[in-house]
């Protein structure tokens, strides 16, 4: 995906229990962790239950004491209370709270920390793969949103958790009367912080003729968890071309989607700047309202279980989440579900 090794923490840097590899692309950081010793029950149990998945979503914060005081007063489950770590570049303060399922949020108060990533992390010790330098560089800029799937009738509880404990508010929502196919449906609420810089959509399955892809996720993940991470790009066409060249696999959208889309756009005040033929060729979806539009595409699952995947998104004056595409997305996923015998 064009990420580069950025930081490392392991035996060689003095971390005796867990090894961390950090990869970076512009403002996106993924941290991959693995246990160093036999018998690490927390990490081992998480892998047995969920397979590969997102354990923690970290937030940069300015007032850790205030956030934790509020979270405690309102009854949030504290996984680890405030602690600090330091090295020669300064100190960083942390705390961890429990959100939906086994997912956690780490609050990171960096203050004036001047180091590479966090205390204890060094530059990667391993040589960069020379082949990567020769591949085209996709332009993924920042995390646009992170979606959490819930078991049926748990969406409202999860959304309320963000309202109550982190003082988020509701930004956007759809229900199963708006988002459904012949077989399956979903409900979704998007939660956001006060500044509306963090977007956390919360999904749940709705009753349909067959198994929803949300329910399939919950079944295989073993409960609530992160379904996908959306990465924002200013130029989705060149980014997807480069990602496909690097071997990324994306969901295919039937040509009928674009036939219908072209007809609908004839009566819309919004004009799509990109070439529709190229969008169709690359299977990029379009959603729009009277003010703007977004372009989005979804990868296939990133692991053997049909759970976590990624999204690439480009926005043109449009702050929605592709409700107009949910039906087409569901139909594309249902084709894969049928192949897996899970529809």
C-alpha atoms as a PDB file:
ATOM      1  CA  UNK A   1       0.000   0.000   0.000  1.00  0.00           C
ATOM      2  CA  UNK A   2       2.993   2.301  -0.183  1.00  0.00           C
ATOM      3  CA  UNK A   3       3.596   2.618   3.562  1.00  0.00           C
ATOM      4  CA  UNK A   4       7.208   2.861   4.723  1.00  0.00           C
ATOM      5  CA  UNK A   5       8.836   1.376   7.834  1.00  0.00           C
ATOM      6  CA  UNK A   6       8.984   4.272  10.292  1.00  0.00           C
ATOM      7  CA  UNK A   7       9.727   3.132  13.845  1.00  0.00           C
ATOM      8  CA  UNK A   8      10.500   0.001  15.838  1.00  0.00           C
ATOM      9  CA  UNK A   9      10.375  -1.095  19.468  1.00  0.00           C
ATOM     10  CA  UNK A  10      11.524  -4.578  20.460  1.00  0.00           C
ATOM     11  CA  UNK A  11      14.199  -6.617  22.196  1.00  0.00           C
ATOM     12  CA  UNK A  12      16.981  -4.534  20.644  1.00  0.00           C
ATOM     13  CA  UNK A  13      15.496  -1.326  22.087  1.00  0.00           C
ATOM     14  CA  UNK A  14      14.747  -2.733  25.548  1.00  0.00           C
ATOM     15  CA  UNK A  15      11.117  -3.827  25.108  1.00  0.00           C
ATOM     16  CA  UNK A  16      11.059  -7.311  26.645  1.00  0.00           C
ATOM     17  CA  UNK A  17       7.401  -8.350  26.267  1.00  0.00           C
ATOM     18  CA  UNK A  18       5.947  -6.896  23.071  1.00  0.00           C
ATOM     19  CA  UNK A  19       7.493  -5.985  19.712  1.00  0.00           C
ATOM     20  CA  UNK A  20       6.074  -3.057  17.694  1.00  0.00           C
ATOM     21  CA  UNK A  21       6.548  -2.151  14.029  1.00  0.00           C
ATOM     22  CA  UNK A  22       5.252   1.268  12.930  1.00  0.00           C
ATOM     23  CA  UNK A  23       4.557   2.017   9.276  1.00  0.00           C
ATOM     24  CA  UNK A  24       3.712   5.487   7.987  1.00  0.00           C
ATOM     25  CA  UNK A  25       2.271   7.179   4.915  1.00  0.00           C
ATOM     26  CA  UNK A  26       1.841  10.951   5.216  1.00  0.00           C
ATOM     27  CA  UNK A  27      -0.348  11.383   8.354  1.00  0.00           C
ATOM     28  CA  UNK A  28      -1.393   7.715   8.624  1.00  0.00           C
ATOM     29  CA  UNK A  29       0.346   5.520  11.220  1.00  0.00           C
ATOM     30  CA  UNK A  30      -0.322   1.798  11.642  1.00  0.00           C
ATOM     31  CA  UNK A  31       1.338   0.035  14.598  1.00  0.00           C
ATOM     32  CA  UNK A  32       1.656  -3.763  14.370  1.00  0.00           C
ATOM     33  CA  UNK A  33       2.327  -5.560  17.646  1.00  0.00           C
ATOM     34  CA  UNK A  34       3.266  -9.130  18.505  1.00  0.00           C
ATOM     35  CA  UNK A  35       4.050 -10.923  21.762  1.00  0.00           C
ATOM     36  CA  UNK A  36       7.701 -11.794  22.362  1.00  0.00           C
ATOM     37  CA  UNK A  37       7.192 -14.420  25.068  1.00  0.00           C
ATOM     38  CA  UNK A  38       5.081 -17.593  25.301  1.00  0.00           C
ATOM     39  CA  UNK A  39       1.939 -17.286  27.380  1.00  0.00           C
ATOM     40  CA  UNK A  40       0.949 -13.681  26.607  1.00  0.00           C
ATOM     41  CA  UNK A  41      -2.692 -14.287  27.520  1.00  0.00           C
ATOM     42  CA  UNK A  42      -4.074 -10.888  26.507  1.00  0.00           C
ATOM     43  CA  UNK A  43      -2.665 -10.867  22.981  1.00  0.00           C
ATOM     44  CA  UNK A  44      -3.048 -14.619  22.542  1.00  0.00           C
ATOM     45  CA  UNK A  45      -6.719 -14.648  23.513  1.00  0.00           C
ATOM     46  CA  UNK A  46      -7.436 -11.666  21.274  1.00  0.00           C
ATOM     47  CA  UNK A  47      -5.926 -13.496  18.292  1.00  0.00           C
ATOM     48  CA  UNK A  48      -7.759 -16.742  19.057  1.00  0.00           C
ATOM     49  CA  UNK A  49     -11.095 -14.944  19.348  1.00  0.00           C
ATOM     50  CA  UNK A  50     -10.823 -12.268  16.670  1.00  0.00           C
ATOM     51  CA  UNK A  51      -8.027 -13.260  14.305  1.00  0.00           C
ATOM     52  CA  UNK A  52      -6.083 -10.331  12.864  1.00  0.00           C
ATOM     53  CA  UNK A  53      -7.928  -7.147  13.787  1.00  0.00           C
ATOM     54  CA  UNK A  54      -7.774  -3.626  15.152  1.00  0.00           C
ATOM     55  CA  UNK A  55      -7.085  -3.763  18.885  1.00  0.00           C
ATOM     56  CA  UNK A  56      -6.669  -0.070  19.604  1.00  0.00           C
ATOM     57  CA  UNK A  57      -7.551   3.288  18.041  1.00  0.00           C
ATOM     58  CA  UNK A  58      -5.357   6.027  19.501  1.00  0.00           C
ATOM     59  CA  UNK A  59      -6.376   9.681  19.822  1.00  0.00           C
ATOM     60  CA  UNK A  60      -4.005  12.626  20.175  1.00  0.00           C
ATOM     61  CA  UNK A  61      -5.264  14.737  23.118  1.00  0.00           C
ATOM     62  CA  UNK A  62      -4.303  18.038  24.746  1.00  0.00           C
ATOM     63  CA  UNK A  63      -5.896  17.635  28.196  1.00  0.00           C
ATOM     64  CA  UNK A  64      -5.506  14.028  29.309  1.00  0.00           C
ATOM     65  CA  UNK A  65      -6.378  14.802  32.949  1.00  0.00           C
ATOM     66  CA  UNK A  66      -9.654  16.479  31.982  1.00  0.00           C
ATOM     67  CA  UNK A  67     -10.654  13.692  29.591  1.00  0.00           C
ATOM     68  CA  UNK A  68      -9.944  10.956  32.133  1.00  0.00           C
ATOM     69  CA  UNK A  69     -11.691  12.809  34.951  1.00  0.00           C
ATOM     70  CA  UNK A  70     -14.825  13.088  32.787  1.00  0.00           C
ATOM     71  CA  UNK A  71     -14.576   9.456  31.604  1.00  0.00           C
ATOM     72  CA  UNK A  72     -14.297   8.185  35.185  1.00  0.00           C
ATOM     73  CA  UNK A  73     -17.166  10.352  36.451  1.00  0.00           C
ATOM     74  CA  UNK A  74     -19.382   9.000  33.679  1.00  0.00           C
ATOM     75  CA  UNK A  75     -18.522   5.368  34.320  1.00  0.00           C
ATOM     76  CA  UNK A  76     -16.128   4.487  31.480  1.00  0.00           C
ATOM     77  CA  UNK A  77     -14.186   1.266  31.925  1.00  0.00           C
ATOM     78  CA  UNK A  78     -10.545   2.251  32.521  1.00  0.00           C
ATOM     79  CA  UNK A  79      -8.169  -0.368  31.104  1.00  0.00           C
ATOM     80  CA  UNK A  80      -5.066   1.519  32.248  1.00  0.00           C
ATOM     81  CA  UNK A  81      -5.054   4.793  34.144  1.00  0.00           C
ATOM     82  CA  UNK A  82      -2.719   7.677  33.331  1.00  0.00           C
ATOM     83  CA  UNK A  83       0.963   6.797  33.086  1.00  0.00           C
ATOM     84  CA  UNK A  84       3.960   8.423  31.462  1.00  0.00           C
ATOM     85  CA  UNK A  85       6.940   7.213  29.488  1.00  0.00           C
ATOM     86  CA  UNK A  86      10.083   9.164  28.711  1.00  0.00           C
ATOM     87  CA  UNK A  87      13.406   9.037  26.929  1.00  0.00           C
ATOM     88  CA  UNK A  88      16.035  11.580  25.934  1.00  0.00           C
ATOM     89  CA  UNK A  89      13.527  13.415  23.710  1.00  0.00           C
ATOM     90  CA  UNK A  90      10.969  14.145  26.414  1.00  0.00           C
ATOM     91  CA  UNK A  91       7.945  12.504  27.997  1.00  0.00           C
ATOM     92  CA  UNK A  92       4.523  11.386  26.763  1.00  0.00           C
ATOM     93  CA  UNK A  93       1.470  10.655  28.913  1.00  0.00           C
ATOM     94  CA  UNK A  94      -1.043   7.891  28.115  1.00  0.00           C
ATOM     95  CA  UNK A  95      -4.293   6.299  29.316  1.00  0.00           C
ATOM     96  CA  UNK A  96      -6.479   3.510  27.883  1.00  0.00           C
ATOM     97  CA  UNK A  97     -10.281   3.077  28.015  1.00  0.00           C
ATOM     98  CA  UNK A  98     -12.541   0.280  26.749  1.00  0.00           C
ATOM     99  CA  UNK A  99     -15.010   0.969  23.936  1.00  0.00           C
ATOM    100  CA  UNK A 100     -17.119  -1.554  21.946  1.00  0.00           C
ATOM    101  CA  UNK A 101     -16.201  -5.260  22.124  1.00  0.00           C
ATOM    102  CA  UNK A 102     -12.534  -5.782  23.005  1.00  0.00           C
ATOM    103  CA  UNK A 103     -11.536  -2.558  21.223  1.00  0.00           C
ATOM    104  CA  UNK A 104      -9.728   0.139  23.201  1.00  0.00           C
ATOM    105  CA  UNK A 105      -8.863   3.814  22.825  1.00  0.00           C
ATOM    106  CA  UNK A 106      -5.447   5.027  23.915  1.00  0.00           C
ATOM    107  CA  UNK A 107      -5.253   8.749  24.669  1.00  0.00           C
ATOM    108  CA  UNK A 108      -1.817  10.168  23.858  1.00  0.00           C
ATOM    109  CA  UNK A 109      -0.733  13.532  25.289  1.00  0.00           C
ATOM    110  CA  UNK A 110       2.556  14.329  23.565  1.00  0.00           C
ATOM    111  CA  UNK A 111       3.224  17.754  25.091  1.00  0.00           C
ATOM    112  CA  UNK A 112       6.596  18.917  23.733  1.00  0.00           C
ATOM    113  CA  UNK A 113       7.914  15.445  22.934  1.00  0.00           C
ATOM    114  CA  UNK A 114      10.575  15.725  20.194  1.00  0.00           C
ATOM    115  CA  UNK A 115      11.299  12.071  19.429  1.00  0.00           C
ATOM    116  CA  UNK A 116      10.668  10.032  16.285  1.00  0.00           C
ATOM    117  CA  UNK A 117       7.349   8.482  17.372  1.00  0.00           C
ATOM    118  CA  UNK A 118       6.947   7.672  21.072  1.00  0.00           C
ATOM    119  CA  UNK A 119       9.446   7.006  23.894  1.00  0.00           C
ATOM    120  CA  UNK A 120      11.406   3.807  23.368  1.00  0.00           C
ATOM    121  CA  UNK A 121      10.905   3.708  19.591  1.00  0.00           C
ATOM    122  CA  UNK A 122      13.914   3.851  17.277  1.00  0.00           C
ATOM    123  CA  UNK A 123      14.338   3.916  13.508  1.00  0.00           C
ATOM    124  CA  UNK A 124      13.694   0.474  11.986  1.00  0.00           C
ATOM    125  CA  UNK A 125      16.671  -1.829  12.447  1.00  0.00           C
ATOM    126  CA  UNK A 126      15.873  -3.776   9.316  1.00  0.00           C
ATOM    127  CA  UNK A 127      16.967  -2.774   5.826  1.00  0.00           C
ATOM    128  CA  UNK A 128      14.303  -1.388   3.507  1.00  0.00           C
ATOM    129  CA  UNK A 129      13.164  -3.717   0.699  1.00  0.00           C
ATOM    130  CA  UNK A 130      14.873  -2.250  -2.384  1.00  0.00           C
ATOM    131  CA  UNK A 131      12.023  -3.417  -4.633  1.00  0.00           C
ATOM    132  CA  UNK A 132       9.568  -1.101  -2.831  1.00  0.00           C
ATOM    133  CA  UNK A 133      11.477   1.967  -4.002  1.00  0.00           C
ATOM    134  CA  UNK A 134      10.757   1.006  -7.612  1.00  0.00           C
ATOM    135  CA  UNK A 135       6.960   0.716  -7.152  1.00  0.00           C
ATOM    136  CA  UNK A 136       4.541   3.608  -7.846  1.00  0.00           C
ATOM    137  CA  UNK A 137       3.776   5.703  -4.737  1.00  0.00           C
ATOM    138  CA  UNK A 138       0.066   6.026  -3.872  1.00  0.00           C
ATOM    139  CA  UNK A 139      -0.974   9.279  -2.221  1.00  0.00           C
ATOM    140  CA  UNK A 140      -2.913   8.269   0.898  1.00  0.00           C
ATOM    141  CA  UNK A 141      -2.988  11.288   3.228  1.00  0.00           C
ATOM    142  CA  UNK A 142      -4.872  10.726   6.499  1.00  0.00           C
ATOM    143  CA  UNK A 143      -7.445   8.534   8.271  1.00  0.00           C
ATOM    144  CA  UNK A 144     -10.874   9.761   7.121  1.00  0.00           C
ATOM    145  CA  UNK A 145     -12.995   7.562   9.405  1.00  0.00           C
ATOM    146  CA  UNK A 146     -12.983   4.211  11.240  1.00  0.00           C
ATOM    147  CA  UNK A 147     -16.102   2.026  11.203  1.00  0.00           C
ATOM    148  CA  UNK A 148     -17.157  -0.227  14.089  1.00  0.00           C
ATOM    149  CA  UNK A 149     -19.585  -3.124  13.526  1.00  0.00           C
ATOM    150  CA  UNK A 150     -21.937  -4.103  16.358  1.00  0.00           C
ATOM    151  CA  UNK A 151     -24.202  -7.110  16.941  1.00  0.00           C
ATOM    152  CA  UNK A 152     -27.893  -6.482  16.236  1.00  0.00           C
ATOM    153  CA  UNK A 153     -29.478  -3.817  18.495  1.00  0.00           C
ATOM    154  CA  UNK A 154     -26.104  -2.759  19.985  1.00  0.00           C
ATOM    155  CA  UNK A 155     -25.487   0.266  17.730  1.00  0.00           C
ATOM    156  CA  UNK A 156     -27.434   2.670  19.935  1.00  0.00           C
ATOM    157  CA  UNK A 157     -25.492   1.558  23.039  1.00  0.00           C
ATOM    158  CA  UNK A 158     -22.155   2.056  21.262  1.00  0.00           C
ATOM    159  CA  UNK A 159     -23.152   5.493  19.938  1.00  0.00           C
ATOM    160  CA  UNK A 160     -24.354   6.513  23.399  1.00  0.00           C
ATOM    161  CA  UNK A 161     -21.008   5.417  24.866  1.00  0.00           C
ATOM    162  CA  UNK A 162     -19.220   8.048  22.744  1.00  0.00           C
ATOM    163  CA  UNK A 163     -21.786  10.687  23.711  1.00  0.00           C
ATOM    164  CA  UNK A 164     -21.624   9.912  27.403  1.00  0.00           C
ATOM    165  CA  UNK A 165     -17.922   9.219  27.968  1.00  0.00           C
ATOM    166  CA  UNK A 166     -16.095  11.247  25.294  1.00  0.00           C
ATOM    167  CA  UNK A 167     -18.742  13.957  24.695  1.00  0.00           C
ATOM    168  CA  UNK A 168     -18.938  13.113  20.974  1.00  0.00           C
ATOM    169  CA  UNK A 169     -22.119  14.043  19.077  1.00  0.00           C
ATOM    170  CA  UNK A 170     -24.142  12.479  16.278  1.00  0.00           C
ATOM    171  CA  UNK A 171     -23.018  13.664  12.866  1.00  0.00           C
ATOM    172  CA  UNK A 172     -24.941  11.509  10.347  1.00  0.00           C
ATOM    173  CA  UNK A 173     -27.165   8.442  10.273  1.00  0.00           C
ATOM    174  CA  UNK A 174     -29.081   6.046   8.026  1.00  0.00           C
ATOM    175  CA  UNK A 175     -31.512   3.230   8.799  1.00  0.00           C
ATOM    176  CA  UNK A 176     -32.541   0.021   7.083  1.00  0.00           C
ATOM    177  CA  UNK A 177     -35.366   1.735   5.152  1.00  0.00           C
ATOM    178  CA  UNK A 178     -32.630   3.699   3.326  1.00  0.00           C
ATOM    179  CA  UNK A 179     -29.919   1.037   3.083  1.00  0.00           C
ATOM    180  CA  UNK A 180     -30.993  -2.420   1.972  1.00  0.00           C
ATOM    181  CA  UNK A 181     -30.746  -4.912  -0.859  1.00  0.00           C
ATOM    182  CA  UNK A 182     -33.027  -7.792  -1.720  1.00  0.00           C
ATOM    183  CA  UNK A 183     -31.201  -9.838   0.936  1.00  0.00           C
ATOM    184  CA  UNK A 184     -29.717  -7.670   3.666  1.00  0.00           C
ATOM    185  CA  UNK A 185     -29.704  -4.268   5.349  1.00  0.00           C
ATOM    186  CA  UNK A 186     -27.884  -2.088   7.883  1.00  0.00           C
ATOM    187  CA  UNK A 187     -28.339   0.821  10.264  1.00  0.00           C
ATOM    188  CA  UNK A 188     -25.521   3.303  10.912  1.00  0.00           C
ATOM    189  CA  UNK A 189     -24.782   6.315  13.155  1.00  0.00           C
ATOM    190  CA  UNK A 190     -21.635   8.430  12.707  1.00  0.00           C
ATOM    191  CA  UNK A 191     -20.159   9.840  15.922  1.00  0.00           C
ATOM    192  CA  UNK A 192     -17.755  12.786  15.937  1.00  0.00           C
ATOM    193  CA  UNK A 193     -15.812  14.905  18.418  1.00  0.00           C
ATOM    194  CA  UNK A 194     -16.566  18.577  19.151  1.00  0.00           C
ATOM    195  CA  UNK A 195     -14.282  19.875  16.364  1.00  0.00           C
ATOM    196  CA  UNK A 196     -15.638  17.200  13.959  1.00  0.00           C
ATOM    197  CA  UNK A 197     -12.094  16.084  13.103  1.00  0.00           C
ATOM    198  CA  UNK A 198     -12.664  12.440  14.173  1.00  0.00           C
ATOM    199  CA  UNK A 199     -15.442  10.377  12.533  1.00  0.00           C
ATOM    200  CA  UNK A 200     -16.490   7.022  14.021  1.00  0.00           C
ATOM    201  CA  UNK A 201     -19.384   5.359  12.150  1.00  0.00           C
ATOM    202  CA  UNK A 202     -21.174   2.656  14.171  1.00  0.00           C
ATOM    203  CA  UNK A 203     -23.020  -0.057  12.159  1.00  0.00           C
ATOM    204  CA  UNK A 204     -25.412  -2.853  13.071  1.00  0.00           C
ATOM    205  CA  UNK A 205     -27.169  -5.450  10.891  1.00  0.00           C
ATOM    206  CA  UNK A 206     -30.874  -5.212  10.207  1.00  0.00           C
ATOM    207  CA  UNK A 207     -33.180  -8.158   9.571  1.00  0.00           C
ATOM    208  CA  UNK A 208     -33.216  -9.307   5.931  1.00  0.00           C
ATOM    209  CA  UNK A 209     -33.946 -12.399   3.879  1.00  0.00           C
ATOM    210  CA  UNK A 210     -30.342 -13.579   4.227  1.00  0.00           C
ATOM    211  CA  UNK A 211     -27.273 -12.861   6.350  1.00  0.00           C
ATOM    212  CA  UNK A 212     -26.045  -9.267   6.237  1.00  0.00           C
ATOM    213  CA  UNK A 213     -22.305  -8.660   5.726  1.00  0.00           C
ATOM    214  CA  UNK A 214     -22.394  -6.869   9.112  1.00  0.00           C
ATOM    215  CA  UNK A 215     -23.655 -10.081  10.735  1.00  0.00           C
ATOM    216  CA  UNK A 216     -21.032 -12.091   8.846  1.00  0.00           C
ATOM    217  CA  UNK A 217     -18.363  -9.806  10.308  1.00  0.00           C
ATOM    218  CA  UNK A 218     -19.751 -10.154  13.863  1.00  0.00           C
ATOM    219  CA  UNK A 219     -19.904 -13.956  13.518  1.00  0.00           C
ATOM    220  CA  UNK A 220     -16.294 -14.291  12.349  1.00  0.00           C
ATOM    221  CA  UNK A 221     -14.804 -11.559  14.520  1.00  0.00           C
ATOM    222  CA  UNK A 222     -16.504 -12.923  17.614  1.00  0.00           C
ATOM    223  CA  UNK A 223     -18.460  -9.778  18.474  1.00  0.00           C
ATOM    224  CA  UNK A 224     -18.142  -6.034  17.949  1.00  0.00           C
ATOM    225  CA  UNK A 225     -14.993  -4.601  16.371  1.00  0.00           C
ATOM    226  CA  UNK A 226     -13.474  -2.373  13.708  1.00  0.00           C
ATOM    227  CA  UNK A 227     -14.809  -3.309  10.277  1.00  0.00           C
ATOM    228  CA  UNK A 228     -12.787  -0.931   8.121  1.00  0.00           C
ATOM    229  CA  UNK A 229     -10.421   2.023   8.094  1.00  0.00           C
ATOM    230  CA  UNK A 230     -11.009   4.698   5.442  1.00  0.00           C
ATOM    231  CA  UNK A 231      -7.926   6.471   4.065  1.00  0.00           C
ATOM    232  CA  UNK A 232      -8.316   9.857   2.372  1.00  0.00           C
ATOM    233  CA  UNK A 233      -6.589  10.782  -0.891  1.00  0.00           C
ATOM    234  CA  UNK A 234      -6.737  13.974  -3.008  1.00  0.00           C
ATOM    235  CA  UNK A 235      -6.567  11.939  -6.251  1.00  0.00           C
ATOM    236  CA  UNK A 236      -8.335   8.599  -6.059  1.00  0.00           C
ATOM    237  CA  UNK A 237      -7.850   7.645  -9.713  1.00  0.00           C
ATOM    238  CA  UNK A 238      -4.043   7.760  -9.664  1.00  0.00           C
ATOM    239  CA  UNK A 239      -3.976   6.271  -6.142  1.00  0.00           C
ATOM    240  CA  UNK A 240      -6.111   3.252  -7.110  1.00  0.00           C
ATOM    241  CA  UNK A 241      -4.150   2.718 -10.311  1.00  0.00           C
ATOM    242  CA  UNK A 242      -0.956   2.610  -8.254  1.00  0.00           C
ATOM    243  CA  UNK A 243      -2.437   0.348  -5.569  1.00  0.00           C
ATOM    244  CA  UNK A 244      -3.726  -2.084  -8.212  1.00  0.00           C
ATOM    245  CA  UNK A 245      -0.262  -2.089  -9.796  1.00  0.00           C
ATOM    246  CA  UNK A 246       1.201  -2.978  -6.393  1.00  0.00           C
ATOM    247  CA  UNK A 247      -1.202  -5.946  -6.132  1.00  0.00           C
ATOM    248  CA  UNK A 248      -4.063  -4.606  -3.966  1.00  0.00           C
ATOM    249  CA  UNK A 249      -7.411  -6.307  -4.611  1.00  0.00           C
ATOM    250  CA  UNK A 250     -10.652  -4.335  -4.530  1.00  0.00           C
ATOM    251  CA  UNK A 251     -14.334  -5.224  -4.659  1.00  0.00           C
ATOM    252  CA  UNK A 252     -15.722  -5.258  -8.202  1.00  0.00           C
ATOM    253  CA  UNK A 253     -18.861  -3.235  -8.950  1.00  0.00           C
ATOM    254  CA  UNK A 254     -21.282  -4.450 -11.662  1.00  0.00           C
ATOM    255  CA  UNK A 255     -21.473  -2.282 -14.800  1.00  0.00           C
ATOM    256  CA  UNK A 256     -25.207  -1.780 -14.187  1.00  0.00           C
ATOM    257  CA  UNK A 257     -24.256   0.505 -11.270  1.00  0.00           C
ATOM    258  CA  UNK A 258     -22.635   2.974 -13.698  1.00  0.00           C
ATOM    259  CA  UNK A 259     -25.512   2.802 -16.178  1.00  0.00           C
ATOM    260  CA  UNK A 260     -27.912   3.828 -13.415  1.00  0.00           C
ATOM    261  CA  UNK A 261     -25.492   6.440 -12.075  1.00  0.00           C
ATOM    262  CA  UNK A 262     -25.108   8.155 -15.459  1.00  0.00           C
ATOM    263  CA  UNK A 263     -28.895   8.435 -15.762  1.00  0.00           C
ATOM    264  CA  UNK A 264     -29.298   9.904 -12.250  1.00  0.00           C
ATOM    265  CA  UNK A 265     -26.498  12.436 -12.748  1.00  0.00           C
ATOM    266  CA  UNK A 266     -28.300  13.937 -15.767  1.00  0.00           C
ATOM    267  CA  UNK A 267     -30.753  15.624 -13.383  1.00  0.00           C
ATOM    268  CA  UNK A 268     -28.233  16.535 -10.663  1.00  0.00           C
ATOM    269  CA  UNK A 269     -26.749  20.041 -10.210  1.00  0.00           C
ATOM    270  CA  UNK A 270     -23.458  18.343  -9.314  1.00  0.00           C
ATOM    271  CA  UNK A 271     -20.982  17.693 -12.104  1.00  0.00           C
ATOM    272  CA  UNK A 272     -18.436  14.907 -11.634  1.00  0.00           C
ATOM    273  CA  UNK A 273     -15.012  16.212 -12.697  1.00  0.00           C
ATOM    274  CA  UNK A 274     -13.457  12.766 -13.134  1.00  0.00           C
ATOM    275  CA  UNK A 275     -13.945  10.668 -16.282  1.00  0.00           C
ATOM    276  CA  UNK A 276     -16.840   8.267 -15.595  1.00  0.00           C
ATOM    277  CA  UNK A 277     -15.345   5.646 -17.911  1.00  0.00           C
ATOM    278  CA  UNK A 278     -12.159   5.550 -15.817  1.00  0.00           C
ATOM    279  CA  UNK A 279     -14.152   5.383 -12.576  1.00  0.00           C
ATOM    280  CA  UNK A 280     -16.092   2.434 -14.034  1.00  0.00           C
ATOM    281  CA  UNK A 281     -12.919   0.718 -15.231  1.00  0.00           C
ATOM    282  CA  UNK A 282     -11.426   0.996 -11.715  1.00  0.00           C
ATOM    283  CA  UNK A 283     -14.712   0.128  -9.879  1.00  0.00           C
ATOM    284  CA  UNK A 284     -14.740   3.454  -7.983  1.00  0.00           C
ATOM    285  CA  UNK A 285     -18.136   4.353  -6.480  1.00  0.00           C
ATOM    286  CA  UNK A 286     -19.712   7.831  -6.567  1.00  0.00           C
ATOM    287  CA  UNK A 287     -22.074   9.336  -3.986  1.00  0.00           C
ATOM    288  CA  UNK A 288     -23.415  12.877  -4.190  1.00  0.00           C
ATOM    289  CA  UNK A 289     -25.943  15.444  -3.016  1.00  0.00           C
ATOM    290  CA  UNK A 290     -26.794  18.911  -4.358  1.00  0.00           C
ATOM    291  CA  UNK A 291     -23.581  20.441  -2.996  1.00  0.00           C
ATOM    292  CA  UNK A 292     -20.842  17.946  -3.800  1.00  0.00           C
ATOM    293  CA  UNK A 293     -19.782  14.338  -4.127  1.00  0.00           C
ATOM    294  CA  UNK A 294     -17.372  11.703  -2.872  1.00  0.00           C
ATOM    295  CA  UNK A 295     -15.503   8.891  -4.593  1.00  0.00           C
ATOM    296  CA  UNK A 296     -14.783   5.649  -2.732  1.00  0.00           C
ATOM    297  CA  UNK A 297     -13.600   2.086  -3.184  1.00  0.00           C
ATOM    298  CA  UNK A 298     -13.218  -0.868  -0.809  1.00  0.00           C
ATOM    299  CA  UNK A 299     -10.477  -3.484  -0.636  1.00  0.00           C
ATOM    300  CA  UNK A 300     -11.203  -7.149  -0.249  1.00  0.00           C
ATOM    301  CA  UNK A 301     -10.730  -8.490   3.280  1.00  0.00           C
ATOM    302  CA  UNK A 302      -7.160  -8.083   4.520  1.00  0.00           C
ATOM    303  CA  UNK A 303      -6.958 -11.561   6.109  1.00  0.00           C
ATOM    304  CA  UNK A 304      -8.499 -15.031   5.830  1.00  0.00           C
ATOM    305  CA  UNK A 305     -11.492 -14.240   8.020  1.00  0.00           C
ATOM    306  CA  UNK A 306     -14.112 -12.049   6.274  1.00  0.00           C
ATOM    307  CA  UNK A 307     -13.622  -9.233   8.772  1.00  0.00           C
ATOM    308  CA  UNK A 308     -11.339  -6.186   8.421  1.00  0.00           C
ATOM    309  CA  UNK A 309     -10.858  -4.306   5.144  1.00  0.00           C
ATOM    310  CA  UNK A 310      -9.768  -0.830   4.016  1.00  0.00           C
ATOM    311  CA  UNK A 311     -11.434   1.972   2.078  1.00  0.00           C
ATOM    312  CA  UNK A 312      -9.919   4.700  -0.088  1.00  0.00           C
ATOM    313  CA  UNK A 313     -11.982   7.904  -0.272  1.00  0.00           C
ATOM    314  CA  UNK A 314     -11.787  11.292  -1.990  1.00  0.00           C
ATOM    315  CA  UNK A 315     -14.167  14.113  -1.046  1.00  0.00           C
ATOM    316  CA  UNK A 316     -15.409  17.004  -3.202  1.00  0.00           C
ATOM    317  CA  UNK A 317     -17.328  19.262  -0.785  1.00  0.00           C
ATOM    318  CA  UNK A 318     -19.221  16.244   0.564  1.00  0.00           C
ATOM    319  CA  UNK A 319     -19.134  15.152   4.208  1.00  0.00           C
ATOM    320  CA  UNK A 320     -21.341  12.038   3.951  1.00  0.00           C
ATOM    321  CA  UNK A 321     -20.347   8.386   4.066  1.00  0.00           C
ATOM    322  CA  UNK A 322     -21.587   6.961   0.791  1.00  0.00           C
ATOM    323  CA  UNK A 323     -25.189   6.089   1.734  1.00  0.00           C
ATOM    324  CA  UNK A 324     -26.079   6.106  -1.948  1.00  0.00           C
ATOM    325  CA  UNK A 325     -23.425   3.448  -2.481  1.00  0.00           C
ATOM    326  CA  UNK A 326     -24.337   1.144   0.376  1.00  0.00           C
ATOM    327  CA  UNK A 327     -26.683  -0.872  -1.794  1.00  0.00           C
ATOM    328  CA  UNK A 328     -24.061  -1.311  -4.556  1.00  0.00           C
ATOM    329  CA  UNK A 329     -21.419  -2.106  -1.943  1.00  0.00           C
ATOM    330  CA  UNK A 330     -23.671  -4.662  -0.260  1.00  0.00           C
ATOM    331  CA  UNK A 331     -24.410  -6.322  -3.590  1.00  0.00           C
ATOM    332  CA  UNK A 332     -20.678  -6.526  -4.386  1.00  0.00           C
ATOM    333  CA  UNK A 333     -19.949  -7.984  -0.936  1.00  0.00           C
ATOM    334  CA  UNK A 334     -22.885 -10.402  -1.272  1.00  0.00           C
ATOM    335  CA  UNK A 335     -21.256 -11.873  -4.402  1.00  0.00           C
ATOM    336  CA  UNK A 336     -18.139 -12.609  -2.313  1.00  0.00           C
ATOM    337  CA  UNK A 337     -20.290 -13.825   0.598  1.00  0.00           C
ATOM    338  CA  UNK A 338     -22.064 -16.296  -1.685  1.00  0.00           C
ATOM    339  CA  UNK A 339     -18.654 -17.659  -2.788  1.00  0.00           C
ATOM    340  CA  UNK A 340     -17.737 -18.149   0.873  1.00  0.00           C
ATOM    341  CA  UNK A 341     -21.042 -19.953   1.527  1.00  0.00           C
ATOM    342  CA  UNK A 342     -22.073 -17.303   4.065  1.00  0.00           C
ATOM    343  CA  UNK A 343     -25.002 -15.563   2.342  1.00  0.00           C
END
